[in-house]
Amino acid sequence: MTDLSTQPSTGDLPPISAISVPDLNVSVREVFGLDTDMTVPAFSIRTDHVPPIDPAYLFDHDTTLAILAGFAFNRRVMVQGFHGTGKSSMWSRLPPG
């Protein structure tokens, strides 16, 4: 996992305009720990719109794959569920990309 002590503070991050499109692909297996060979687009730098990595956050397997497949193939994904089930926090925990 990522060492949180090495992550820059929000004040040290570049502006959101620093990069406008994803500039690399990352392994879903390495980033999310899911058993798949899928790669997804990502940004090489973190801006202040991306929260620090939370190593305690657990991604739901099926929901995460659906969202990442939408990113990988430029498709829309609808996430639905009861209030308090993690829909908003899921989006905030995805890495840049």
N, C-alpha and C. Protein backbone atom coordinates (compact mmCIF):
# COMPACT_ATOMS: atom_id res chain seq x y z
N MET A 1 0.82 -1.19 0.00
CA MET A 1 0.00 0.00 0.00
C MET A 1 0.87 1.26 0.00
N THR A 2 0.25 2.37 -0.22
CA THR A 2 0.96 3.64 -0.29
C THR A 2 1.25 4.16 1.11
N ASP A 3 2.45 4.67 1.31
CA ASP A 3 2.84 5.25 2.58
C ASP A 3 2.23 6.65 2.66
N LEU A 4 1.29 6.84 3.59
CA LEU A 4 0.59 8.12 3.69
C LEU A 4 1.51 9.26 4.09
N SER A 5 2.61 8.96 4.74
CA SER A 5 3.52 10.03 5.17
C SER A 5 4.25 10.66 3.99
N THR A 6 4.29 9.99 2.85
CA THR A 6 4.99 10.53 1.69
C THR A 6 4.06 11.26 0.74
N GLN A 7 2.74 11.26 1.02
CA GLN A 7 1.81 11.96 0.15
C GLN A 7 1.86 13.45 0.42
N PRO A 8 1.85 14.27 -0.64
CA PRO A 8 1.92 15.71 -0.44
C PRO A 8 0.66 16.24 0.24
N SER A 9 0.80 17.31 1.00
CA SER A 9 -0.38 17.94 1.58
C SER A 9 -1.10 18.70 0.48
N THR A 10 -2.37 19.03 0.73
CA THR A 10 -3.17 19.69 -0.29
C THR A 10 -2.52 20.98 -0.80
N GLY A 11 -1.88 21.74 0.08
CA GLY A 11 -1.25 22.98 -0.33
C GLY A 11 -0.06 22.79 -1.25
N ASP A 12 0.52 21.58 -1.27
CA ASP A 12 1.68 21.29 -2.11
C ASP A 12 1.31 20.73 -3.48
N LEU A 13 0.02 20.53 -3.74
CA LEU A 13 -0.41 19.89 -4.97
C LEU A 13 -0.51 20.89 -6.12
N PRO A 14 -0.31 20.41 -7.35
CA PRO A 14 -0.44 21.30 -8.51
C PRO A 14 -1.91 21.66 -8.74
N PRO A 15 -2.20 22.71 -9.50
CA PRO A 15 -3.59 23.08 -9.77
C PRO A 15 -4.26 22.01 -10.63
N ILE A 16 -5.58 21.98 -10.56
CA ILE A 16 -6.34 20.98 -11.33
C ILE A 16 -6.06 21.08 -12.82
N SER A 17 -5.69 22.27 -13.29
CA SER A 17 -5.42 22.46 -14.72
C SER A 17 -4.06 21.91 -15.14
N ALA A 18 -3.31 21.34 -14.21
CA ALA A 18 -1.96 20.85 -14.52
C ALA A 18 -1.99 19.75 -15.59
N ILE A 19 -3.06 18.99 -15.62
CA ILE A 19 -3.17 17.91 -16.62
C ILE A 19 -4.65 17.74 -16.92
N SER A 20 -5.00 17.64 -18.19
CA SER A 20 -6.42 17.63 -18.56
C SER A 20 -6.96 16.27 -18.95
N VAL A 21 -6.09 15.34 -19.32
CA VAL A 21 -6.56 14.00 -19.69
C VAL A 21 -5.64 12.96 -19.04
N PRO A 22 -6.17 11.77 -18.80
CA PRO A 22 -5.31 10.72 -18.24
C PRO A 22 -4.11 10.48 -19.14
N ASP A 23 -2.94 10.29 -18.53
CA ASP A 23 -1.72 10.15 -19.32
C ASP A 23 -1.00 8.83 -19.08
N LEU A 24 -1.63 7.89 -18.37
CA LEU A 24 -1.03 6.57 -18.21
C LEU A 24 -2.13 5.55 -17.91
N ASN A 25 -1.79 4.28 -18.01
CA ASN A 25 -2.69 3.19 -17.65
C ASN A 25 -2.15 2.50 -16.42
N VAL A 26 -3.05 2.11 -15.51
CA VAL A 26 -2.64 1.41 -14.30
C VAL A 26 -3.33 0.06 -14.22
N SER A 27 -2.69 -0.87 -13.55
CA SER A 27 -3.23 -2.21 -13.37
C SER A 27 -4.28 -2.21 -12.27
N VAL A 28 -5.47 -2.71 -12.58
CA VAL A 28 -6.53 -2.82 -11.57
C VAL A 28 -6.10 -3.79 -10.47
N ARG A 29 -5.37 -4.81 -10.83
CA ARG A 29 -4.87 -5.78 -9.84
C ARG A 29 -3.95 -5.10 -8.83
N GLU A 30 -3.04 -4.26 -9.31
CA GLU A 30 -2.07 -3.61 -8.41
C GLU A 30 -2.70 -2.49 -7.58
N VAL A 31 -3.57 -1.70 -8.19
CA VAL A 31 -4.13 -0.54 -7.49
C VAL A 31 -5.27 -0.92 -6.56
N PHE A 32 -6.15 -1.83 -7.01
CA PHE A 32 -7.34 -2.17 -6.24
C PHE A 32 -7.29 -3.55 -5.61
N GLY A 33 -6.32 -4.38 -5.99
CA GLY A 33 -6.23 -5.72 -5.44
C GLY A 33 -7.31 -6.66 -5.95
N LEU A 34 -7.89 -6.36 -7.12
CA LEU A 34 -8.93 -7.22 -7.70
C LEU A 34 -8.31 -8.18 -8.69
N ASP A 35 -8.82 -9.39 -8.72
CA ASP A 35 -8.27 -10.44 -9.57
C ASP A 35 -8.73 -10.27 -11.02
N THR A 36 -8.08 -9.38 -11.74
CA THR A 36 -8.38 -9.12 -13.14
C THR A 36 -7.13 -8.58 -13.82
N ASP A 37 -7.03 -8.78 -15.11
CA ASP A 37 -5.90 -8.26 -15.88
C ASP A 37 -6.22 -6.90 -16.49
N MET A 38 -7.35 -6.30 -16.14
CA MET A 38 -7.79 -5.03 -16.71
C MET A 38 -6.82 -3.90 -16.33
N THR A 39 -6.63 -2.98 -17.26
CA THR A 39 -5.93 -1.74 -16.97
C THR A 39 -6.91 -0.60 -17.23
N VAL A 40 -6.72 0.50 -16.52
CA VAL A 40 -7.61 1.65 -16.67
C VAL A 40 -6.78 2.92 -16.79
N PRO A 41 -7.35 3.94 -17.46
CA PRO A 41 -6.63 5.20 -17.58
C PRO A 41 -6.52 5.90 -16.24
N ALA A 42 -5.43 6.63 -16.04
CA ALA A 42 -5.20 7.36 -14.79
C ALA A 42 -4.34 8.58 -15.07
N PHE A 43 -4.31 9.48 -14.11
CA PHE A 43 -3.46 10.66 -14.17
C PHE A 43 -2.16 10.37 -13.43
N SER A 44 -1.06 10.89 -13.93
CA SER A 44 0.23 10.64 -13.30
C SER A 44 0.48 11.54 -12.10
N ILE A 45 -0.28 12.62 -11.98
CA ILE A 45 -0.11 13.51 -10.84
C ILE A 45 -1.42 13.66 -10.08
N ARG A 46 -1.32 13.91 -8.80
CA ARG A 46 -2.49 14.11 -7.94
C ARG A 46 -2.72 15.60 -7.77
N THR A 47 -3.98 16.03 -7.90
CA THR A 47 -4.33 17.43 -7.66
C THR A 47 -5.15 17.52 -6.38
N ASP A 48 -5.54 18.72 -6.02
CA ASP A 48 -6.29 18.90 -4.78
C ASP A 48 -7.72 18.37 -4.84
N HIS A 49 -8.17 17.88 -5.99
CA HIS A 49 -9.49 17.28 -6.10
C HIS A 49 -9.46 15.78 -5.78
N VAL A 50 -8.28 15.25 -5.50
CA VAL A 50 -8.14 13.83 -5.20
C VAL A 50 -7.75 13.67 -3.75
N PRO A 51 -8.56 12.91 -2.98
CA PRO A 51 -8.23 12.74 -1.56
C PRO A 51 -7.01 11.84 -1.38
N PRO A 52 -6.38 11.90 -0.23
CA PRO A 52 -5.27 10.98 0.05
C PRO A 52 -5.77 9.53 0.03
N ILE A 53 -4.89 8.61 -0.29
CA ILE A 53 -5.25 7.19 -0.30
C ILE A 53 -5.54 6.74 1.13
N ASP A 54 -6.66 6.02 1.29
CA ASP A 54 -7.05 5.47 2.58
C ASP A 54 -6.86 3.96 2.51
N PRO A 55 -5.78 3.43 3.07
CA PRO A 55 -5.52 1.99 2.97
C PRO A 55 -6.57 1.14 3.68
N ALA A 56 -7.40 1.73 4.53
CA ALA A 56 -8.43 0.97 5.24
C ALA A 56 -9.73 0.86 4.43
N TYR A 57 -9.86 1.64 3.33
CA TYR A 57 -11.09 1.60 2.54
C TYR A 57 -11.14 0.30 1.76
N LEU A 58 -12.28 -0.40 1.83
CA LEU A 58 -12.46 -1.66 1.10
C LEU A 58 -13.40 -1.42 -0.08
N PHE A 59 -12.92 -1.69 -1.27
CA PHE A 59 -13.72 -1.53 -2.48
C PHE A 59 -14.59 -2.76 -2.68
N ASP A 60 -15.88 -2.54 -2.99
CA ASP A 60 -16.77 -3.63 -3.36
C ASP A 60 -16.36 -4.15 -4.73
N HIS A 61 -16.13 -5.43 -4.85
CA HIS A 61 -15.59 -6.04 -6.07
C HIS A 61 -16.42 -5.71 -7.31
N ASP A 62 -17.71 -6.05 -7.30
CA ASP A 62 -18.54 -5.89 -8.50
C ASP A 62 -18.74 -4.42 -8.87
N THR A 63 -18.98 -3.58 -7.88
CA THR A 63 -19.18 -2.16 -8.14
C THR A 63 -17.91 -1.53 -8.70
N THR A 64 -16.78 -1.87 -8.12
CA THR A 64 -15.50 -1.32 -8.58
C THR A 64 -15.21 -1.73 -10.01
N LEU A 65 -15.43 -3.01 -10.33
CA LEU A 65 -15.19 -3.46 -11.72
C LEU A 65 -16.11 -2.76 -12.70
N ALA A 66 -17.37 -2.56 -12.32
CA ALA A 66 -18.31 -1.88 -13.22
C ALA A 66 -17.87 -0.44 -13.49
N ILE A 67 -17.49 0.27 -12.45
CA ILE A 67 -17.05 1.67 -12.60
C ILE A 67 -15.76 1.74 -13.43
N LEU A 68 -14.81 0.87 -13.13
CA LEU A 68 -13.54 0.89 -13.86
C LEU A 68 -13.71 0.49 -15.32
N ALA A 69 -14.63 -0.44 -15.60
CA ALA A 69 -14.92 -0.81 -16.99
C ALA A 69 -15.50 0.40 -17.73
N GLY A 70 -16.33 1.19 -17.04
CA GLY A 70 -16.85 2.41 -17.65
C GLY A 70 -15.73 3.38 -17.99
N PHE A 71 -14.77 3.54 -17.09
CA PHE A 71 -13.61 4.40 -17.37
C PHE A 71 -12.79 3.84 -18.54
N ALA A 72 -12.53 2.54 -18.51
CA ALA A 72 -11.66 1.91 -19.50
C ALA A 72 -12.24 1.99 -20.91
N PHE A 73 -13.57 1.89 -21.02
CA PHE A 73 -14.21 1.84 -22.34
C PHE A 73 -15.04 3.07 -22.64
N ASN A 74 -14.84 4.14 -21.83
CA ASN A 74 -15.52 5.41 -22.04
C ASN A 74 -17.04 5.23 -22.11
N ARG A 75 -17.58 4.51 -21.15
CA ARG A 75 -19.02 4.24 -21.09
C ARG A 75 -19.60 4.82 -19.80
N ARG A 76 -20.87 5.09 -19.80
CA ARG A 76 -21.55 5.59 -18.60
C ARG A 76 -21.83 4.42 -17.66
N VAL A 77 -21.78 4.72 -16.38
CA VAL A 77 -22.08 3.73 -15.35
C VAL A 77 -23.03 4.38 -14.35
N MET A 78 -24.14 3.69 -14.05
CA MET A 78 -25.06 4.21 -13.04
C MET A 78 -24.88 3.38 -11.77
N VAL A 79 -24.59 4.06 -10.68
CA VAL A 79 -24.45 3.41 -9.38
C VAL A 79 -25.67 3.80 -8.56
N GLN A 80 -26.40 2.81 -8.09
CA GLN A 80 -27.59 3.09 -7.29
C GLN A 80 -27.59 2.25 -6.02
N GLY A 81 -28.33 2.69 -5.05
CA GLY A 81 -28.44 1.96 -3.80
C GLY A 81 -29.06 2.81 -2.73
N PHE A 82 -29.35 2.21 -1.60
CA PHE A 82 -29.95 2.93 -0.49
C PHE A 82 -28.97 3.96 0.06
N HIS A 83 -29.51 4.95 0.77
CA HIS A 83 -28.65 5.97 1.38
C HIS A 83 -27.74 5.30 2.41
N GLY A 84 -26.52 5.82 2.49
CA GLY A 84 -25.57 5.29 3.47
C GLY A 84 -24.86 4.02 3.05
N THR A 85 -24.98 3.63 1.78
CA THR A 85 -24.33 2.38 1.34
C THR A 85 -22.98 2.60 0.67
N GLY A 86 -22.52 3.86 0.57
CA GLY A 86 -21.17 4.12 0.08
C GLY A 86 -21.05 4.59 -1.35
N LYS A 87 -22.16 5.01 -1.97
CA LYS A 87 -22.09 5.45 -3.36
C LYS A 87 -21.16 6.65 -3.54
N SER A 88 -21.33 7.66 -2.72
CA SER A 88 -20.50 8.87 -2.83
C SER A 88 -19.07 8.61 -2.39
N SER A 89 -18.89 7.86 -1.32
CA SER A 89 -17.53 7.61 -0.85
C SER A 89 -16.76 6.74 -1.83
N MET A 90 -17.46 5.90 -2.59
CA MET A 90 -16.79 5.09 -3.61
C MET A 90 -16.12 6.01 -4.64
N TRP A 91 -16.84 7.02 -5.10
CA TRP A 91 -16.28 7.93 -6.10
C TRP A 91 -15.11 8.72 -5.54
N SER A 92 -15.19 9.10 -4.28
CA SER A 92 -14.12 9.90 -3.73
C SER A 92 -12.87 9.08 -3.45
N ARG A 93 -12.97 7.77 -3.43
CA ARG A 93 -11.82 6.91 -3.13
C ARG A 93 -11.14 6.37 -4.38
N LEU A 94 -11.73 6.59 -5.54
CA LEU A 94 -11.08 6.13 -6.76
C LEU A 94 -9.84 6.98 -7.00
N PRO A 95 -8.76 6.36 -7.44
CA PRO A 95 -7.56 7.15 -7.71
C PRO A 95 -7.77 8.06 -8.91
N PRO A 96 -6.92 9.04 -9.08
CA PRO A 96 -7.08 9.96 -10.21
C PRO A 96 -7.13 9.20 -11.51
N GLY A 97 -8.02 9.58 -12.36
CA GLY A 97 -8.13 8.94 -13.64
C GLY A 97 -9.51 8.90 -14.02
